[in-house]
Amino acid sequence: MPQMAMSGPAFSISPTIFFPLLIIFSWDHEPNKGNI
């Protein structure tokens, strides 16, 4: 499985999914969470 993750397309998609997730997590941790 680790070898597959190192493949071209999968490696390109990984950060694309990771960044939005990171942003969503940051949003959740903000005090204005109840506003959404």
PDB file of N, CA and C in Angstrom:
ATOM      1  N   MET A   1       0.823  -1.229   0.000  1.00  0.00           N
ATOM      2  CA  MET A   1       0.000   0.000   0.000  1.00  0.00           C
ATOM      3  C   MET A   1       0.853   1.274   0.000  1.00  0.00           C
ATOM      4  N   PRO A   2       1.903   1.336   0.784  1.00  0.00           N
ATOM      5  CA  PRO A   2       2.751   2.554   0.786  1.00  0.00           C
ATOM      6  C   PRO A   2       3.307   2.842  -0.605  1.00  0.00           C
ATOM      7  N   GLN A   3       3.642   1.783  -1.365  1.00  0.00           N
ATOM      8  CA  GLN A   3       4.196   1.975  -2.704  1.00  0.00           C
ATOM      9  C   GLN A   3       3.147   2.610  -3.615  1.00  0.00           C
ATOM     10  N   MET A   4       1.896   2.233  -3.454  1.00  0.00           N
ATOM     11  CA  MET A   4       0.821   2.792  -4.283  1.00  0.00           C
ATOM     12  C   MET A   4       0.643   4.285  -3.981  1.00  0.00           C
ATOM     13  N   ALA A   5       0.771   4.640  -2.713  1.00  0.00           N
ATOM     14  CA  ALA A   5       0.601   6.043  -2.320  1.00  0.00           C
ATOM     15  C   ALA A   5       1.693   6.904  -2.949  1.00  0.00           C
ATOM     16  N   MET A   6       2.854   6.285  -3.224  1.00  0.00           N
ATOM     17  CA  MET A   6       3.956   7.038  -3.812  1.00  0.00           C
ATOM     18  C   MET A   6       3.758   7.228  -5.319  1.00  0.00           C
ATOM     19  N   SER A   7       2.727   6.615  -5.868  1.00  0.00           N
ATOM     20  CA  SER A   7       2.461   6.734  -7.300  1.00  0.00           C
ATOM     21  C   SER A   7       2.175   8.191  -7.666  1.00  0.00           C
ATOM     22  N   GLY A   8       2.373   8.547  -8.925  1.00  0.00           N
ATOM     23  CA  GLY A   8       2.215   9.925  -9.399  1.00  0.00           C
ATOM     24  C   GLY A   8       0.879  10.548  -9.030  1.00  0.00           C
ATOM     25  N   PRO A   9      -0.228  10.041  -9.593  1.00  0.00           N
ATOM     26  CA  PRO A   9      -1.528  10.681  -9.368  1.00  0.00           C
ATOM     27  C   PRO A   9      -1.924  10.705  -7.895  1.00  0.00           C
ATOM     28  N   ALA A  10      -1.740   9.593  -7.210  1.00  0.00           N
ATOM     29  CA  ALA A  10      -2.127   9.522  -5.790  1.00  0.00           C
ATOM     30  C   ALA A  10      -1.328  10.547  -4.990  1.00  0.00           C
ATOM     31  N   PHE A  11      -0.049  10.704  -5.332  1.00  0.00           N
ATOM     32  CA  PHE A  11       0.813  11.638  -4.602  1.00  0.00           C
ATOM     33  C   PHE A  11       0.356  13.076  -4.833  1.00  0.00           C
ATOM     34  N   SER A  12      -0.211  13.325  -6.017  1.00  0.00           N
ATOM     35  CA  SER A  12      -0.671  14.679  -6.355  1.00  0.00           C
ATOM     36  C   SER A  12      -2.003  14.985  -5.665  1.00  0.00           C
ATOM     37  N   ILE A  13      -2.828  13.963  -5.519  1.00  0.00           N
ATOM     38  CA  ILE A  13      -4.158  14.165  -4.929  1.00  0.00           C
ATOM     39  C   ILE A  13      -4.049  14.287  -3.401  1.00  0.00           C
ATOM     40  N   SER A  14      -3.068  13.606  -2.816  1.00  0.00           N
ATOM     41  CA  SER A  14      -2.930  13.589  -1.359  1.00  0.00           C
ATOM     42  C   SER A  14      -2.918  15.003  -0.763  1.00  0.00           C
ATOM     43  N   PRO A  15      -2.002  15.882  -1.206  1.00  0.00           N
ATOM     44  CA  PRO A  15      -1.971  17.238  -0.653  1.00  0.00           C
ATOM     45  C   PRO A  15      -3.246  18.022  -0.975  1.00  0.00           C
ATOM     46  N   THR A  16      -3.844  17.722  -2.118  1.00  0.00           N
ATOM     47  CA  THR A  16      -5.070  18.437  -2.510  1.00  0.00           C
ATOM     48  C   THR A  16      -6.190  18.151  -1.513  1.00  0.00           C
ATOM     49  N   ILE A  17      -6.204  16.944  -0.970  1.00  0.00           N
ATOM     50  CA  ILE A  17      -7.236  16.592   0.017  1.00  0.00           C
ATOM     51  C   ILE A  17      -6.804  17.033   1.409  1.00  0.00           C
ATOM     52  N   PHE A  18      -5.479  17.028   1.640  1.00  0.00           N
ATOM     53  CA  PHE A  18      -4.955  17.333   2.973  1.00  0.00           C
ATOM     54  C   PHE A  18      -5.126  18.806   3.312  1.00  0.00           C
ATOM     55  N   PHE A  19      -4.913  19.674   2.322  1.00  0.00           N
ATOM     56  CA  PHE A  19      -4.978  21.123   2.594  1.00  0.00           C
ATOM     57  C   PHE A  19      -6.379  21.567   3.000  1.00  0.00           C
ATOM     58  N   PRO A  20      -7.427  21.205   2.229  1.00  0.00           N
ATOM     59  CA  PRO A  20      -8.789  21.585   2.641  1.00  0.00           C
ATOM     60  C   PRO A  20      -9.130  21.023   4.021  1.00  0.00           C
ATOM     61  N   LEU A  21      -8.681  19.802   4.289  1.00  0.00           N
ATOM     62  CA  LEU A  21      -8.936  19.195   5.601  1.00  0.00           C
ATOM     63  C   LEU A  21      -8.306  20.039   6.693  1.00  0.00           C
ATOM     64  N   LEU A  22      -7.073  20.496   6.440  1.00  0.00           N
ATOM     65  CA  LEU A  22      -6.359  21.314   7.416  1.00  0.00           C
ATOM     66  C   LEU A  22      -7.111  22.615   7.662  1.00  0.00           C
ATOM     67  N   ILE A  23      -7.645  23.184   6.589  1.00  0.00           N
ATOM     68  CA  ILE A  23      -8.384  24.451   6.710  1.00  0.00           C
ATOM     69  C   ILE A  23      -9.666  24.229   7.510  1.00  0.00           C
ATOM     70  N   ILE A  24     -10.341  23.105   7.243  1.00  0.00           N
ATOM     71  CA  ILE A  24     -11.592  22.807   7.948  1.00  0.00           C
ATOM     72  C   ILE A  24     -11.309  22.611   9.435  1.00  0.00           C
ATOM     73  N   PHE A  25     -10.181  21.942   9.731  1.00  0.00           N
ATOM     74  CA  PHE A  25      -9.822  21.722  11.133  1.00  0.00           C
ATOM     75  C   PHE A  25      -9.538  23.046  11.814  1.00  0.00           C
ATOM     76  N   SER A  26      -8.847  23.949  11.100  1.00  0.00           N
ATOM     77  CA  SER A  26      -8.533  25.271  11.663  1.00  0.00           C
ATOM     78  C   SER A  26      -9.822  26.035  11.930  1.00  0.00           C
ATOM     79  N   TRP A  27     -10.792  25.899  11.009  1.00  0.00           N
ATOM     80  CA  TRP A  27     -12.059  26.596  11.157  1.00  0.00           C
ATOM     81  C   TRP A  27     -12.803  26.083  12.388  1.00  0.00           C
ATOM     82  N   ASP A  28     -12.737  24.765  12.591  1.00  0.00           N
ATOM     83  CA  ASP A  28     -13.442  24.143  13.715  1.00  0.00           C
ATOM     84  C   ASP A  28     -12.867  24.598  15.048  1.00  0.00           C
ATOM     85  N   HIS A  29     -11.568  24.858  15.062  1.00  0.00           N
ATOM     86  CA  HIS A  29     -10.902  25.208  16.321  1.00  0.00           C
ATOM     87  C   HIS A  29     -11.084  26.686  16.661  1.00  0.00           C
ATOM     88  N   GLU A  30     -11.636  27.457  15.718  1.00  0.00           N
ATOM     89  CA  GLU A  30     -11.825  28.885  15.977  1.00  0.00           C
ATOM     90  C   GLU A  30     -13.002  29.102  16.926  1.00  0.00           C
ATOM     91  N   PRO A  31     -12.966  30.176  17.698  1.00  0.00           N
ATOM     92  CA  PRO A  31     -14.044  30.454  18.667  1.00  0.00           C
ATOM     93  C   PRO A  31     -15.367  30.798  17.980  1.00  0.00           C
ATOM     94  N   ASN A  32     -15.306  31.245  16.722  1.00  0.00           N
ATOM     95  CA  ASN A  32     -16.524  31.622  15.988  1.00  0.00           C
ATOM     96  C   ASN A  32     -17.225  30.397  15.408  1.00  0.00           C
ATOM     97  N   LYS A  33     -16.923  29.232  15.948  1.00  0.00           N
ATOM     98  CA  LYS A  33     -17.471  27.986  15.419  1.00  0.00           C
ATOM     99  C   LYS A  33     -19.006  28.018  15.433  1.00  0.00           C
ATOM    100  N   GLY A  34     -19.584  28.584  16.467  1.00  0.00           N
ATOM    101  CA  GLY A  34     -21.042  28.588  16.603  1.00  0.00           C
ATOM    102  C   GLY A  34     -21.721  29.463  15.555  1.00  0.00           C
ATOM    103  N   ASN A  35     -20.941  30.268  14.846  1.00  0.00           N
ATOM    104  CA  ASN A  35     -21.519  31.175  13.854  1.00  0.00           C
ATOM    105  C   ASN A  35     -21.938  30.426  12.601  1.00  0.00           C
ATOM    106  N   ILE A  36     -21.280  29.298  12.333  1.00  0.00           N
ATOM    107  CA  ILE A  36     -21.548  28.564  11.090  1.00  0.00           C
ATOM    108  C   ILE A  36     -22.797  27.698  11.257  1.00  0.00           C
TER     109      ILE A  36
END
